[in-house]
């Protein structure tokens, strides 16, 4: 028989999963069996569409893999949206920033002065 865990522990497990942690990582950090972890995730997923749960998990997994925090992804999305709103090609942002920094350097301005 499985050890019963508190609602707080169950919620923590689901949160960790949604934030991109694998079942093994959750087990390692909580000590909860992988079977119980899967059960809690599946129970949560039964209340919400499974593909939504998987999409959230995959999104945060990619963010973590790239060494980012969720806020970094959000800021990137905001910048990307602003560029698109003004019909600017996001692929050109690197060359734009490079040219601005080059002009700033020529005029002996620091990045702080540009802000």
Foldseek 3Di string as FASTA:
>chain_A
DADDDDPVLLVVLLVCQLLQDDLVRNCVVPVHDSVVSVVSNVVVCVVPPVVVSVVSNVVNNVCVVVVHDPVVVVVVVVVVVVCVVVVHDPVCVVVVVVVVVVVCVVVVHDPVNVD
